[in-house]
């Protein structure tokens, strides 16, 4: 199943969630929401990247270029979900919220305040291109 949202819906959802005092997802809630799915994330109305969530908290991330990075996630502290990727050993931590119309993720690192929104949800695996395909 694919779920698509418009930018207007995303912005209205974010504003409403903030007004409701929405609680961040725990690791168990995040796992239940994401496991077996591929999510497309947006930032500022533009597609930002894709992440496939596999059993055992394994993930594959891809930016728009189709190059994939495998990794895993863990809950570092309550409601703080951190990711580590094979080619990026520095953890990247996020707080996730279920807005009722998809996830909202807020980065909790050096670039704190970066917010991504779930644009699509699919049960299909992520399509990964090999290095320098077509070169």
C-alpha atoms as a PDB file:
ATOM      1  CA  UNK A   1       0.000   0.000   0.000  1.00  0.00           C
ATOM      2  CA  UNK A   2       1.306   3.454  -0.874  1.00  0.00           C
ATOM      3  CA  UNK A   3       0.155   6.499   1.054  1.00  0.00           C
ATOM      4  CA  UNK A   4       0.814   9.895  -0.535  1.00  0.00           C
ATOM      5  CA  UNK A   5       0.389  13.234   1.230  1.00  0.00           C
ATOM      6  CA  UNK A   6       0.363  16.761  -0.106  1.00  0.00           C
ATOM      7  CA  UNK A   7       2.590  19.479   1.324  1.00  0.00           C
ATOM      8  CA  UNK A   8      -0.473  21.327   2.616  1.00  0.00           C
ATOM      9  CA  UNK A   9      -1.646  18.222   4.463  1.00  0.00           C
ATOM     10  CA  UNK A  10       1.827  17.728   5.938  1.00  0.00           C
ATOM     11  CA  UNK A  11       2.086  21.315   7.171  1.00  0.00           C
ATOM     12  CA  UNK A  12      -1.431  21.304   8.626  1.00  0.00           C
ATOM     13  CA  UNK A  13      -0.716  17.985  10.327  1.00  0.00           C
ATOM     14  CA  UNK A  14       2.515  19.283  11.850  1.00  0.00           C
ATOM     15  CA  UNK A  15       0.824  22.414  13.175  1.00  0.00           C
ATOM     16  CA  UNK A  16      -2.036  20.399  14.639  1.00  0.00           C
ATOM     17  CA  UNK A  17       0.306  17.866  16.231  1.00  0.00           C
ATOM     18  CA  UNK A  18       2.313  20.594  17.939  1.00  0.00           C
ATOM     19  CA  UNK A  19      -0.893  22.118  19.290  1.00  0.00           C
ATOM     20  CA  UNK A  20      -1.980  18.724  20.694  1.00  0.00           C
ATOM     21  CA  UNK A  21       1.280  18.244  22.619  1.00  0.00           C
ATOM     22  CA  UNK A  22       2.014  15.069  20.660  1.00  0.00           C
ATOM     23  CA  UNK A  23       4.268  12.485  22.321  1.00  0.00           C
ATOM     24  CA  UNK A  24       7.324  11.059  20.524  1.00  0.00           C
ATOM     25  CA  UNK A  25       7.293   7.381  19.566  1.00  0.00           C
ATOM     26  CA  UNK A  26       9.099   4.843  21.738  1.00  0.00           C
ATOM     27  CA  UNK A  27      11.425   2.341  20.093  1.00  0.00           C
ATOM     28  CA  UNK A  28       8.714  -0.350  20.235  1.00  0.00           C
ATOM     29  CA  UNK A  29       6.121   1.998  18.673  1.00  0.00           C
ATOM     30  CA  UNK A  30       8.573   3.076  15.965  1.00  0.00           C
ATOM     31  CA  UNK A  31       9.404  -0.570  15.193  1.00  0.00           C
ATOM     32  CA  UNK A  32       5.725  -1.524  14.962  1.00  0.00           C
ATOM     33  CA  UNK A  33       5.044   1.402  12.602  1.00  0.00           C
ATOM     34  CA  UNK A  34       8.046   0.938  10.288  1.00  0.00           C
ATOM     35  CA  UNK A  35       9.002  -2.764  10.205  1.00  0.00           C
ATOM     36  CA  UNK A  36       8.450  -4.301   6.770  1.00  0.00           C
ATOM     37  CA  UNK A  37       7.869  -0.929   5.110  1.00  0.00           C
ATOM     38  CA  UNK A  38       9.724   1.504   2.898  1.00  0.00           C
ATOM     39  CA  UNK A  39       9.077   5.159   3.701  1.00  0.00           C
ATOM     40  CA  UNK A  40       9.698   8.169   1.485  1.00  0.00           C
ATOM     41  CA  UNK A  41      10.662  11.306   3.417  1.00  0.00           C
ATOM     42  CA  UNK A  42      10.242  14.967   2.416  1.00  0.00           C
ATOM     43  CA  UNK A  43      11.886  18.151   3.665  1.00  0.00           C
ATOM     44  CA  UNK A  44      10.500  21.596   2.798  1.00  0.00           C
ATOM     45  CA  UNK A  45       8.139  20.103   0.215  1.00  0.00           C
ATOM     46  CA  UNK A  46      10.856  18.184  -1.670  1.00  0.00           C
ATOM     47  CA  UNK A  47      11.641  14.466  -1.593  1.00  0.00           C
ATOM     48  CA  UNK A  48      14.654  13.994   0.701  1.00  0.00           C
ATOM     49  CA  UNK A  49      15.255  10.237   0.687  1.00  0.00           C
ATOM     50  CA  UNK A  50      13.948   6.728   1.256  1.00  0.00           C
ATOM     51  CA  UNK A  51      14.367   4.194   4.033  1.00  0.00           C
ATOM     52  CA  UNK A  52      13.489   0.523   4.078  1.00  0.00           C
ATOM     53  CA  UNK A  53      12.881  -0.954   7.533  1.00  0.00           C
ATOM     54  CA  UNK A  54      13.576  -4.665   7.842  1.00  0.00           C
ATOM     55  CA  UNK A  55      13.133  -7.095  10.750  1.00  0.00           C
ATOM     56  CA  UNK A  56      15.705  -6.932  13.519  1.00  0.00           C
ATOM     57  CA  UNK A  57      15.897  -3.125  13.296  1.00  0.00           C
ATOM     58  CA  UNK A  58      17.936  -3.341  10.090  1.00  0.00           C
ATOM     59  CA  UNK A  59      17.541  -0.467   7.594  1.00  0.00           C
ATOM     60  CA  UNK A  60      18.620   0.632   4.150  1.00  0.00           C
ATOM     61  CA  UNK A  61      18.768   4.372   3.371  1.00  0.00           C
ATOM     62  CA  UNK A  62      18.967   5.994  -0.073  1.00  0.00           C
ATOM     63  CA  UNK A  63      19.087   9.600  -1.171  1.00  0.00           C
ATOM     64  CA  UNK A  64      17.662  10.487  -4.593  1.00  0.00           C
ATOM     65  CA  UNK A  65      20.755   9.166  -6.416  1.00  0.00           C
ATOM     66  CA  UNK A  66      19.711   5.556  -5.677  1.00  0.00           C
ATOM     67  CA  UNK A  67      22.934   4.698  -3.831  1.00  0.00           C
ATOM     68  CA  UNK A  68      21.984   2.684  -0.740  1.00  0.00           C
ATOM     69  CA  UNK A  69      23.577   2.393   2.685  1.00  0.00           C
ATOM     70  CA  UNK A  70      22.753  -0.435   5.053  1.00  0.00           C
ATOM     71  CA  UNK A  71      22.571   0.132   8.766  1.00  0.00           C
ATOM     72  CA  UNK A  72      20.550  -0.399  11.902  1.00  0.00           C
ATOM     73  CA  UNK A  73      18.673   1.626  14.465  1.00  0.00           C
ATOM     74  CA  UNK A  74      18.304   1.526  18.239  1.00  0.00           C
ATOM     75  CA  UNK A  75      16.594   3.512  20.969  1.00  0.00           C
ATOM     76  CA  UNK A  76      19.436   5.342  22.740  1.00  0.00           C
ATOM     77  CA  UNK A  77      17.127   6.760  25.404  1.00  0.00           C
ATOM     78  CA  UNK A  78      13.338   6.898  25.670  1.00  0.00           C
ATOM     79  CA  UNK A  79      11.911   8.211  22.387  1.00  0.00           C
ATOM     80  CA  UNK A  80      15.321   8.963  20.825  1.00  0.00           C
ATOM     81  CA  UNK A  81      15.838   6.726  17.780  1.00  0.00           C
ATOM     82  CA  UNK A  82      19.439   6.563  16.525  1.00  0.00           C
ATOM     83  CA  UNK A  83      20.756   5.162  13.251  1.00  0.00           C
ATOM     84  CA  UNK A  84      24.235   3.925  12.343  1.00  0.00           C
ATOM     85  CA  UNK A  85      25.150   3.161   8.726  1.00  0.00           C
ATOM     86  CA  UNK A  86      28.026   1.099   7.291  1.00  0.00           C
ATOM     87  CA  UNK A  87      29.687   4.107   5.633  1.00  0.00           C
ATOM     88  CA  UNK A  88      28.769   6.621   8.359  1.00  0.00           C
ATOM     89  CA  UNK A  89      29.714   5.266  11.799  1.00  0.00           C
ATOM     90  CA  UNK A  90      28.606   8.453  13.619  1.00  0.00           C
ATOM     91  CA  UNK A  91      25.114   7.886  15.028  1.00  0.00           C
ATOM     92  CA  UNK A  92      22.290  10.054  13.711  1.00  0.00           C
ATOM     93  CA  UNK A  93      19.472  10.494  16.223  1.00  0.00           C
ATOM     94  CA  UNK A  94      15.885  11.530  15.578  1.00  0.00           C
ATOM     95  CA  UNK A  95      12.659  11.958  17.486  1.00  0.00           C
ATOM     96  CA  UNK A  96       9.689  10.497  15.589  1.00  0.00           C
ATOM     97  CA  UNK A  97       6.026  11.423  15.939  1.00  0.00           C
ATOM     98  CA  UNK A  98       2.975   9.699  14.458  1.00  0.00           C
ATOM     99  CA  UNK A  99       0.878  12.619  13.219  1.00  0.00           C
ATOM    100  CA  UNK A 100      -2.061  10.436  12.214  1.00  0.00           C
ATOM    101  CA  UNK A 101      -1.161  11.126   8.562  1.00  0.00           C
ATOM    102  CA  UNK A 102       2.388   9.770   8.621  1.00  0.00           C
ATOM    103  CA  UNK A 103       5.585  10.225  10.568  1.00  0.00           C
ATOM    104  CA  UNK A 104       7.323  13.473  11.408  1.00  0.00           C
ATOM    105  CA  UNK A 105      11.020  13.156  12.294  1.00  0.00           C
ATOM    106  CA  UNK A 106      13.105  15.848  14.000  1.00  0.00           C
ATOM    107  CA  UNK A 107      16.905  15.560  13.869  1.00  0.00           C
ATOM    108  CA  UNK A 108      18.656  15.809  17.226  1.00  0.00           C
ATOM    109  CA  UNK A 109      22.274  16.434  16.180  1.00  0.00           C
ATOM    110  CA  UNK A 110      24.496  19.288  15.006  1.00  0.00           C
ATOM    111  CA  UNK A 111      21.853  20.376  12.503  1.00  0.00           C
ATOM    112  CA  UNK A 112      19.119  20.155  15.145  1.00  0.00           C
ATOM    113  CA  UNK A 113      15.756  21.331  13.937  1.00  0.00           C
ATOM    114  CA  UNK A 114      15.846  19.580  10.547  1.00  0.00           C
ATOM    115  CA  UNK A 115      12.397  18.048  10.157  1.00  0.00           C
ATOM    116  CA  UNK A 116      11.377  15.338   7.709  1.00  0.00           C
ATOM    117  CA  UNK A 117       7.841  14.216   6.906  1.00  0.00           C
ATOM    118  CA  UNK A 118       6.629  10.873   5.623  1.00  0.00           C
ATOM    119  CA  UNK A 119       5.407  11.398   2.072  1.00  0.00           C
ATOM    120  CA  UNK A 120       4.725   7.762   1.104  1.00  0.00           C
ATOM    121  CA  UNK A 121       4.595   4.360   2.704  1.00  0.00           C
ATOM    122  CA  UNK A 122       5.025   1.118   0.779  1.00  0.00           C
ATOM    123  CA  UNK A 123       5.510  -2.596   1.409  1.00  0.00           C
ATOM    124  CA  UNK A 124       7.827  -2.757  -1.632  1.00  0.00           C
ATOM    125  CA  UNK A 125      11.576  -3.082  -1.045  1.00  0.00           C
ATOM    126  CA  UNK A 126      13.888  -0.206  -1.805  1.00  0.00           C
ATOM    127  CA  UNK A 127      15.429  -0.226  -5.292  1.00  0.00           C
ATOM    128  CA  UNK A 128      19.176   0.199  -4.912  1.00  0.00           C
ATOM    129  CA  UNK A 129      21.498   1.015  -7.782  1.00  0.00           C
ATOM    130  CA  UNK A 130      25.028  -0.301  -7.804  1.00  0.00           C
ATOM    131  CA  UNK A 131      28.009   2.030  -7.790  1.00  0.00           C
ATOM    132  CA  UNK A 132      28.446   3.961 -11.027  1.00  0.00           C
ATOM    133  CA  UNK A 133      25.580   2.227 -12.862  1.00  0.00           C
ATOM    134  CA  UNK A 134      25.526   3.462 -16.429  1.00  0.00           C
ATOM    135  CA  UNK A 135      29.027   4.956 -16.171  1.00  0.00           C
END
